[in-house]
Amino acid sequence: MNTTGYFNTIYADTELPHRCKTVYIYLKDRADPSGSCWPGIKTIAADLGLSRSTVKRALNELVQMGYLTKSARYRSNGSHTSNLYRLQ
């Protein structure tokens, strides 16, 4: 799907809160050609001027509504790093 298709779908969804649209567009802007990106929640919040809890809520809602998938990523020592997000 091209960029216009992504945004037409997200804009047309009247059930989707504005925080979700904002976070989705942010992720789309940072995604690679396959639709994957991995910014940290702290980074997303700082860049968008949102609280971390608002970003977490938006990400969870986007996952629940089928707009993205979220996978945990780990460092070689086993500690957690930023999640991998894939836009659907």
PDB file of N, CA and C in Angstrom:
ATOM      1  N   MET A   1       0.840  -1.172   0.000  1.00  0.00           N
ATOM      2  CA  MET A   1       0.000   0.000   0.000  1.00  0.00           C
ATOM      3  C   MET A   1       0.888   1.237   0.000  1.00  0.00           C
ATOM      4  N   ASN A   2       0.548   2.225  -0.798  1.00  0.00           N
ATOM      5  CA  ASN A   2       1.354   3.439  -0.827  1.00  0.00           C
ATOM      6  C   ASN A   2       1.025   4.325   0.371  1.00  0.00           C
ATOM      7  N   THR A   3       1.795   5.396   0.528  1.00  0.00           N
ATOM      8  CA  THR A   3       1.627   6.278   1.674  1.00  0.00           C
ATOM      9  C   THR A   3       0.228   6.875   1.728  1.00  0.00           C
ATOM     10  N   THR A   4      -0.302   7.277   0.603  1.00  0.00           N
ATOM     11  CA  THR A   4      -1.634   7.865   0.567  1.00  0.00           C
ATOM     12  C   THR A   4      -2.658   6.880   1.120  1.00  0.00           C
ATOM     13  N   GLY A   5      -2.549   5.620   0.760  1.00  0.00           N
ATOM     14  CA  GLY A   5      -3.470   4.606   1.260  1.00  0.00           C
ATOM     15  C   GLY A   5      -3.402   4.448   2.767  1.00  0.00           C
ATOM     16  N   TYR A   6      -2.192   4.494   3.318  1.00  0.00           N
ATOM     17  CA  TYR A   6      -2.040   4.414   4.765  1.00  0.00           C
ATOM     18  C   TYR A   6      -2.794   5.549   5.444  1.00  0.00           C
ATOM     19  N   PHE A   7      -2.557   6.751   4.989  1.00  0.00           N
ATOM     20  CA  PHE A   7      -3.148   7.909   5.639  1.00  0.00           C
ATOM     21  C   PHE A   7      -4.640   8.016   5.380  1.00  0.00           C
ATOM     22  N   ASN A   8      -5.117   7.652   4.211  1.00  0.00           N
ATOM     23  CA  ASN A   8      -6.556   7.677   3.959  1.00  0.00           C
ATOM     24  C   ASN A   8      -7.278   6.758   4.931  1.00  0.00           C
ATOM     25  N   THR A   9      -6.721   5.588   5.180  1.00  0.00           N
ATOM     26  CA  THR A   9      -7.331   4.635   6.104  1.00  0.00           C
ATOM     27  C   THR A   9      -7.347   5.186   7.523  1.00  0.00           C
ATOM     28  N   ILE A  10      -6.256   5.726   7.967  1.00  0.00           N
ATOM     29  CA  ILE A  10      -6.153   6.218   9.340  1.00  0.00           C
ATOM     30  C   ILE A  10      -7.035   7.458   9.533  1.00  0.00           C
ATOM     31  N   TYR A  11      -7.095   8.333   8.545  1.00  0.00           N
ATOM     32  CA  TYR A  11      -7.928   9.537   8.659  1.00  0.00           C
ATOM     33  C   TYR A  11      -9.410   9.187   8.632  1.00  0.00           C
ATOM     34  N   ALA A  12      -9.779   8.183   7.875  1.00  0.00           N
ATOM     35  CA  ALA A  12     -11.192   7.818   7.722  1.00  0.00           C
ATOM     36  C   ALA A  12     -11.759   7.093   8.935  1.00  0.00           C
ATOM     37  N   ASP A  13     -10.924   6.556   9.778  1.00  0.00           N
ATOM     38  CA  ASP A  13     -11.391   5.797  10.941  1.00  0.00           C
ATOM     39  C   ASP A  13     -11.852   6.767  12.030  1.00  0.00           C
ATOM     40  N   THR A  14     -13.147   7.008  12.093  1.00  0.00           N
ATOM     41  CA  THR A  14     -13.690   7.963  13.054  1.00  0.00           C
ATOM     42  C   THR A  14     -13.680   7.431  14.489  1.00  0.00           C
ATOM     43  N   GLU A  15     -13.465   6.139  14.669  1.00  0.00           N
ATOM     44  CA  GLU A  15     -13.399   5.544  16.007  1.00  0.00           C
ATOM     45  C   GLU A  15     -12.009   5.668  16.627  1.00  0.00           C
ATOM     46  N   LEU A  16     -11.025   6.007  15.820  1.00  0.00           N
ATOM     47  CA  LEU A  16      -9.639   6.049  16.273  1.00  0.00           C
ATOM     48  C   LEU A  16      -9.338   7.395  16.934  1.00  0.00           C
ATOM     49  N   PRO A  17      -8.924   7.395  18.205  1.00  0.00           N
ATOM     50  CA  PRO A  17      -8.611   8.654  18.894  1.00  0.00           C
ATOM     51  C   PRO A  17      -7.450   9.393  18.218  1.00  0.00           C
ATOM     52  N   HIS A  18      -7.432  10.703  18.376  1.00  0.00           N
ATOM     53  CA  HIS A  18      -6.391  11.498  17.739  1.00  0.00           C
ATOM     54  C   HIS A  18      -4.993  11.104  18.198  1.00  0.00           C
ATOM     55  N   ARG A  19      -4.846  10.654  19.452  1.00  0.00           N
ATOM     56  CA  ARG A  19      -3.524  10.234  19.923  1.00  0.00           C
ATOM     57  C   ARG A  19      -3.007   9.056  19.095  1.00  0.00           C
ATOM     58  N   CYS A  20      -3.917   8.157  18.697  1.00  0.00           N
ATOM     59  CA  CYS A  20      -3.530   7.001  17.892  1.00  0.00           C
ATOM     60  C   CYS A  20      -3.119   7.431  16.492  1.00  0.00           C
ATOM     61  N   LYS A  21      -3.869   8.347  15.922  1.00  0.00           N
ATOM     62  CA  LYS A  21      -3.532   8.842  14.584  1.00  0.00           C
ATOM     63  C   LYS A  21      -2.173   9.519  14.604  1.00  0.00           C
ATOM     64  N   THR A  22      -1.928  10.309  15.627  1.00  0.00           N
ATOM     65  CA  THR A  22      -0.652  11.017  15.746  1.00  0.00           C
ATOM     66  C   THR A  22       0.518  10.039  15.862  1.00  0.00           C
ATOM     67  N   VAL A  23       0.381   9.049  16.727  1.00  0.00           N
ATOM     68  CA  VAL A  23       1.451   8.064  16.922  1.00  0.00           C
ATOM     69  C   VAL A  23       1.638   7.218  15.661  1.00  0.00           C
ATOM     70  N   TYR A  24       0.549   6.828  15.008  1.00  0.00           N
ATOM     71  CA  TYR A  24       0.636   6.039  13.782  1.00  0.00           C
ATOM     72  C   TYR A  24       1.394   6.805  12.704  1.00  0.00           C
ATOM     73  N   ILE A  25       1.056   8.063  12.507  1.00  0.00           N
ATOM     74  CA  ILE A  25       1.724   8.874  11.487  1.00  0.00           C
ATOM     75  C   ILE A  25       3.200   9.038  11.830  1.00  0.00           C
ATOM     76  N   TYR A  26       3.519   9.198  13.104  1.00  0.00           N
ATOM     77  CA  TYR A  26       4.910   9.275  13.553  1.00  0.00           C
ATOM     78  C   TYR A  26       5.662   7.991  13.175  1.00  0.00           C
ATOM     79  N   LEU A  27       5.048   6.842  13.479  1.00  0.00           N
ATOM     80  CA  LEU A  27       5.694   5.568  13.156  1.00  0.00           C
ATOM     81  C   LEU A  27       5.857   5.395  11.650  1.00  0.00           C
ATOM     82  N   LYS A  28       4.845   5.778  10.893  1.00  0.00           N
ATOM     83  CA  LYS A  28       4.921   5.666   9.432  1.00  0.00           C
ATOM     84  C   LYS A  28       6.069   6.507   8.892  1.00  0.00           C
ATOM     85  N   ASP A  29       6.248   7.686   9.470  1.00  0.00           N
ATOM     86  CA  ASP A  29       7.321   8.584   9.040  1.00  0.00           C
ATOM     87  C   ASP A  29       8.701   7.983   9.299  1.00  0.00           C
ATOM     88  N   ARG A  30       8.809   7.135  10.301  1.00  0.00           N
ATOM     89  CA  ARG A  30      10.100   6.548  10.668  1.00  0.00           C
ATOM     90  C   ARG A  30      10.285   5.107  10.197  1.00  0.00           C
ATOM     91  N   ALA A  31       9.266   4.557   9.578  1.00  0.00           N
ATOM     92  CA  ALA A  31       9.328   3.153   9.148  1.00  0.00           C
ATOM     93  C   ALA A  31      10.187   2.975   7.897  1.00  0.00           C
ATOM     94  N   ASP A  32      10.786   1.794   7.780  1.00  0.00           N
ATOM     95  CA  ASP A  32      11.528   1.442   6.575  1.00  0.00           C
ATOM     96  C   ASP A  32      10.518   1.010   5.499  1.00  0.00           C
ATOM     97  N   PRO A  33      10.985   0.695   4.298  1.00  0.00           N
ATOM     98  CA  PRO A  33      10.051   0.328   3.219  1.00  0.00           C
ATOM     99  C   PRO A  33       9.146  -0.866   3.538  1.00  0.00           C
ATOM    100  N   SER A  34       9.561  -1.722   4.472  1.00  0.00           N
ATOM    101  CA  SER A  34       8.721  -2.866   4.828  1.00  0.00           C
ATOM    102  C   SER A  34       7.688  -2.517   5.902  1.00  0.00           C
ATOM    103  N   GLY A  35       7.718  -1.269   6.401  1.00  0.00           N
ATOM    104  CA  GLY A  35       6.766  -0.848   7.421  1.00  0.00           C
ATOM    105  C   GLY A  35       7.229  -1.109   8.840  1.00  0.00           C
ATOM    106  N   SER A  36       8.518  -1.345   9.037  1.00  0.00           N
ATOM    107  CA  SER A  36       9.062  -1.633  10.366  1.00  0.00           C
ATOM    108  C   SER A  36       9.838  -0.448  10.927  1.00  0.00           C
ATOM    109  N   CYS A  37       9.706  -0.244  12.224  1.00  0.00           N
ATOM    110  CA  CYS A  37      10.506   0.771  12.918  1.00  0.00           C
ATOM    111  C   CYS A  37      10.602   0.390  14.389  1.00  0.00           C
ATOM    112  N   TRP A  38      11.481   1.028  15.123  1.00  0.00           N
ATOM    113  CA  TRP A  38      11.712   0.621  16.511  1.00  0.00           C
ATOM    114  C   TRP A  38      12.067   1.798  17.419  1.00  0.00           C
ATOM    115  N   PRO A  39      11.353   2.917  17.346  1.00  0.00           N
ATOM    116  CA  PRO A  39      11.649   4.013  18.277  1.00  0.00           C
ATOM    117  C   PRO A  39      11.199   3.662  19.694  1.00  0.00           C
ATOM    118  N   GLY A  40      11.895   4.175  20.670  1.00  0.00           N
ATOM    119  CA  GLY A  40      11.507   3.951  22.060  1.00  0.00           C
ATOM    120  C   GLY A  40      10.311   4.814  22.439  1.00  0.00           C
ATOM    121  N   ILE A  41       9.574   4.381  23.431  1.00  0.00           N
ATOM    122  CA  ILE A  41       8.402   5.133  23.894  1.00  0.00           C
ATOM    123  C   ILE A  41       8.820   6.517  24.379  1.00  0.00           C
ATOM    124  N   LYS A  42       9.924   6.607  25.081  1.00  0.00           N
ATOM    125  CA  LYS A  42      10.423   7.896  25.565  1.00  0.00           C
ATOM    126  C   LYS A  42      10.707   8.836  24.393  1.00  0.00           C
ATOM    127  N   THR A  43      11.284   8.314  23.337  1.00  0.00           N
ATOM    128  CA  THR A  43      11.589   9.118  22.150  1.00  0.00           C
ATOM    129  C   THR A  43      10.313   9.588  21.460  1.00  0.00           C
ATOM    130  N   ILE A  44       9.361   8.677  21.287  1.00  0.00           N
ATOM    131  CA  ILE A  44       8.093   9.042  20.650  1.00  0.00           C
ATOM    132  C   ILE A  44       7.414  10.142  21.472  1.00  0.00           C
ATOM    133  N   ALA A  45       7.353   9.962  22.785  1.00  0.00           N
ATOM    134  CA  ALA A  45       6.699  10.935  23.659  1.00  0.00           C
ATOM    135  C   ALA A  45       7.376  12.301  23.561  1.00  0.00           C
ATOM    136  N   ALA A  46       8.696  12.315  23.615  1.00  0.00           N
ATOM    137  CA  ALA A  46       9.427  13.581  23.548  1.00  0.00           C
ATOM    138  C   ALA A  46       9.224  14.267  22.199  1.00  0.00           C
ATOM    139  N   ASP A  47       9.321  13.508  21.122  1.00  0.00           N
ATOM    140  CA  ASP A  47       9.172  14.086  19.782  1.00  0.00           C
ATOM    141  C   ASP A  47       7.774  14.644  19.535  1.00  0.00           C
ATOM    142  N   LEU A  48       6.748  13.989  20.096  1.00  0.00           N
ATOM    143  CA  LEU A  48       5.367  14.403  19.857  1.00  0.00           C
ATOM    144  C   LEU A  48       4.803  15.316  20.952  1.00  0.00           C
ATOM    145  N   GLY A  49       5.548  15.501  22.029  1.00  0.00           N
ATOM    146  CA  GLY A  49       5.053  16.328  23.129  1.00  0.00           C
ATOM    147  C   GLY A  49       3.896  15.671  23.869  1.00  0.00           C
ATOM    148  N   LEU A  50       3.928  14.344  23.935  1.00  0.00           N
ATOM    149  CA  LEU A  50       2.903  13.571  24.637  1.00  0.00           C
ATOM    150  C   LEU A  50       3.530  12.907  25.858  1.00  0.00           C
ATOM    151  N   SER A  51       2.703  12.491  26.802  1.00  0.00           N
ATOM    152  CA  SER A  51       3.227  11.751  27.943  1.00  0.00           C
ATOM    153  C   SER A  51       3.524  10.317  27.512  1.00  0.00           C
ATOM    154  N   ARG A  52       4.399   9.665  28.254  1.00  0.00           N
ATOM    155  CA  ARG A  52       4.712   8.260  27.958  1.00  0.00           C
ATOM    156  C   ARG A  52       3.469   7.390  28.086  1.00  0.00           C
ATOM    157  N   SER A  53       2.627   7.673  29.064  1.00  0.00           N
ATOM    158  CA  SER A  53       1.423   6.859  29.235  1.00  0.00           C
ATOM    159  C   SER A  53       0.458   7.047  28.061  1.00  0.00           C
ATOM    160  N   THR A  54       0.383   8.240  27.507  1.00  0.00           N
ATOM    161  CA  THR A  54      -0.463   8.471  26.332  1.00  0.00           C
ATOM    162  C   THR A  54       0.063   7.699  25.131  1.00  0.00           C
ATOM    163  N   VAL A  55       1.378   7.686  24.955  1.00  0.00           N
ATOM    164  CA  VAL A  55       1.985   6.941  23.851  1.00  0.00           C
ATOM    165  C   VAL A  55       1.733   5.444  24.031  1.00  0.00           C
ATOM    166  N   LYS A  56       1.928   4.934  25.243  1.00  0.00           N
ATOM    167  CA  LYS A  56       1.671   3.509  25.500  1.00  0.00           C
ATOM    168  C   LYS A  56       0.219   3.145  25.213  1.00  0.00           C
ATOM    169  N   ARG A  57      -0.697   4.000  25.664  1.00  0.00           N
ATOM    170  CA  ARG A  57      -2.120   3.749  25.420  1.00  0.00           C
ATOM    171  C   ARG A  57      -2.412   3.747  23.920  1.00  0.00           C
ATOM    172  N   ALA A  58      -1.853   4.707  23.193  1.00  0.00           N
ATOM    173  CA  ALA A  58      -2.069   4.779  21.743  1.00  0.00           C
ATOM    174  C   ALA A  58      -1.505   3.542  21.042  1.00  0.00           C
ATOM    175  N   LEU A  59      -0.318   3.112  21.422  1.00  0.00           N
ATOM    176  CA  LEU A  59       0.282   1.928  20.804  1.00  0.00           C
ATOM    177  C   LEU A  59      -0.572   0.689  21.067  1.00  0.00           C
ATOM    178  N   ASN A  60      -1.038   0.531  22.295  1.00  0.00           N
ATOM    179  CA  ASN A  60      -1.884  -0.623  22.614  1.00  0.00           C
ATOM    180  C   ASN A  60      -3.189  -0.593  21.832  1.00  0.00           C
ATOM    181  N   GLU A  61      -3.774   0.579  21.686  1.00  0.00           N
ATOM    182  CA  GLU A  61      -5.013   0.702  20.914  1.00  0.00           C
ATOM    183  C   GLU A  61      -4.770   0.391  19.437  1.00  0.00           C
ATOM    184  N   LEU A  62      -3.654   0.861  18.897  1.00  0.00           N
ATOM    185  CA  LEU A  62      -3.329   0.581  17.492  1.00  0.00           C
ATOM    186  C   LEU A  62      -3.143  -0.917  17.264  1.00  0.00           C
ATOM    187  N   VAL A  63      -2.532  -1.600  18.225  1.00  0.00           N
ATOM    188  CA  VAL A  63      -2.371  -3.051  18.132  1.00  0.00           C
ATOM    189  C   VAL A  63      -3.748  -3.722  18.183  1.00  0.00           C
ATOM    190  N   GLN A  64      -4.571  -3.328  19.141  1.00  0.00           N
ATOM    191  CA  GLN A  64      -5.902  -3.926  19.298  1.00  0.00           C
ATOM    192  C   GLN A  64      -6.771  -3.717  18.062  1.00  0.00           C
ATOM    193  N   MET A  65      -6.610  -2.576  17.403  1.00  0.00           N
ATOM    194  CA  MET A  65      -7.441  -2.260  16.239  1.00  0.00           C
ATOM    195  C   MET A  65      -6.842  -2.791  14.935  1.00  0.00           C
ATOM    196  N   GLY A  66      -5.672  -3.443  15.024  1.00  0.00           N
ATOM    197  CA  GLY A  66      -5.077  -4.077  13.859  1.00  0.00           C
ATOM    198  C   GLY A  66      -4.256  -3.174  12.954  1.00  0.00           C
ATOM    199  N   TYR A  67      -3.897  -1.986  13.428  1.00  0.00           N
ATOM    200  CA  TYR A  67      -3.097  -1.074  12.616  1.00  0.00           C
ATOM    201  C   TYR A  67      -1.603  -1.375  12.682  1.00  0.00           C
ATOM    202  N   LEU A  68      -1.175  -2.054  13.742  1.00  0.00           N
ATOM    203  CA  LEU A  68       0.240  -2.423  13.835  1.00  0.00           C
ATOM    204  C   LEU A  68       0.410  -3.633  14.724  1.00  0.00           C
ATOM    205  N   THR A  69       1.563  -4.261  14.582  1.00  0.00           N
ATOM    206  CA  THR A  69       1.955  -5.337  15.489  1.00  0.00           C
ATOM    207  C   THR A  69       3.171  -4.853  16.263  1.00  0.00           C
ATOM    208  N   LYS A  70       3.336  -5.399  17.452  1.00  0.00           N
ATOM    209  CA  LYS A  70       4.426  -4.997  18.332  1.00  0.00           C
ATOM    210  C   LYS A  70       5.145  -6.251  18.795  1.00  0.00           C
ATOM    211  N   SER A  71       6.464  -6.266  18.658  1.00  0.00           N
ATOM    212  CA  SER A  71       7.281  -7.397  19.102  1.00  0.00           C
ATOM    213  C   SER A  71       8.386  -6.882  20.008  1.00  0.00           C
ATOM    214  N   ALA A  72       8.594  -7.577  21.120  1.00  0.00           N
ATOM    215  CA  ALA A  72       9.678  -7.209  22.029  1.00  0.00           C
ATOM    216  C   ALA A  72      11.021  -7.516  21.374  1.00  0.00           C
ATOM    217  N   ARG A  73      11.998  -6.661  21.645  1.00  0.00           N
ATOM    218  CA  ARG A  73      13.365  -6.886  21.164  1.00  0.00           C
ATOM    219  C   ARG A  73      14.290  -6.927  22.381  1.00  0.00           C
ATOM    220  N   TYR A  74      15.348  -7.720  22.273  1.00  0.00           N
ATOM    221  CA  TYR A  74      16.256  -7.903  23.394  1.00  0.00           C
ATOM    222  C   TYR A  74      17.701  -7.717  22.956  1.00  0.00           C
ATOM    223  N   ARG A  75      18.513  -7.217  23.868  1.00  0.00           N
ATOM    224  CA  ARG A  75      19.951  -7.091  23.645  1.00  0.00           C
ATOM    225  C   ARG A  75      20.606  -8.470  23.826  1.00  0.00           C
ATOM    226  N   SER A  76      21.851  -8.573  23.452  1.00  0.00           N
ATOM    227  CA  SER A  76      22.558  -9.853  23.574  1.00  0.00           C
ATOM    228  C   SER A  76      22.667 -10.311  25.024  1.00  0.00           C
ATOM    229  N   ASN A  77      22.619  -9.380  25.983  1.00  0.00           N
ATOM    230  CA  ASN A  77      22.691  -9.767  27.397  1.00  0.00           C
ATOM    231  C   ASN A  77      21.324 -10.123  27.979  1.00  0.00           C
ATOM    232  N   GLY A  78      20.284 -10.075  27.143  1.00  0.00           N
ATOM    233  CA  GLY A  78      18.947 -10.457  27.571  1.00  0.00           C
ATOM    234  C   GLY A  78      18.064  -9.318  28.045  1.00  0.00           C
ATOM    235  N   SER A  79      18.637  -8.125  28.180  1.00  0.00           N
ATOM    236  CA  SER A  79      17.818  -6.996  28.629  1.00  0.00           C
ATOM    237  C   SER A  79      16.944  -6.477  27.482  1.00  0.00           C
ATOM    238  N   HIS A  80      15.826  -5.895  27.850  1.00  0.00           N
ATOM    239  CA  HIS A  80      14.855  -5.405  26.873  1.00  0.00           C
ATOM    240  C   HIS A  80      15.340  -4.101  26.246  1.00  0.00           C
ATOM    241  N   THR A  81      15.108  -3.953  24.965  1.00  0.00           N
ATOM    242  CA  THR A  81      15.372  -2.701  24.260  1.00  0.00           C
ATOM    243  C   THR A  81      14.052  -2.251  23.638  1.00  0.00           C
ATOM    244  N   SER A  82      14.077  -1.298  22.750  1.00  0.00           N
ATOM    245  CA  SER A  82      12.817  -0.805  22.179  1.00  0.00           C
ATOM    246  C   SER A  82      12.091  -1.910  21.415  1.00  0.00           C
ATOM    247  N   ASN A  83      10.780  -1.775  21.333  1.00  0.00           N
ATOM    248  CA  ASN A  83       9.960  -2.743  20.609  1.00  0.00           C
ATOM    249  C   ASN A  83      10.103  -2.552  19.101  1.00  0.00           C
ATOM    250  N   LEU A  84       9.803  -3.593  18.366  1.00  0.00           N
ATOM    251  CA  LEU A  84       9.730  -3.516  16.912  1.00  0.00           C
ATOM    252  C   LEU A  84       8.249  -3.334  16.560  1.00  0.00           C
ATOM    253  N   TYR A  85       7.954  -2.300  15.790  1.00  0.00           N
ATOM    254  CA  TYR A  85       6.581  -2.030  15.351  1.00  0.00           C
ATOM    255  C   TYR A  85       6.500  -2.278  13.848  1.00  0.00           C
ATOM    256  N   ARG A  86       5.455  -2.964  13.435  1.00  0.00           N
ATOM    257  CA  ARG A  86       5.210  -3.195  12.007  1.00  0.00           C
ATOM    258  C   ARG A  86       3.826  -2.665  11.662  1.00  0.00           C
ATOM    259  N   LEU A  87       3.810  -1.722  10.741  1.00  0.00           N
ATOM    260  CA  LEU A  87       2.547  -1.153  10.295  1.00  0.00           C
ATOM    261  C   LEU A  87       1.834  -2.147   9.404  1.00  0.00           C
ATOM    262  N   GLN A  88       0.546  -2.312   9.625  1.00  0.00           N
ATOM    263  CA  GLN A  88      -0.250  -3.268   8.839  1.00  0.00           C
ATOM    264  C   GLN A  88      -0.926  -2.590   7.677  1.00  0.00           C
TER     265      GLN A  88
END
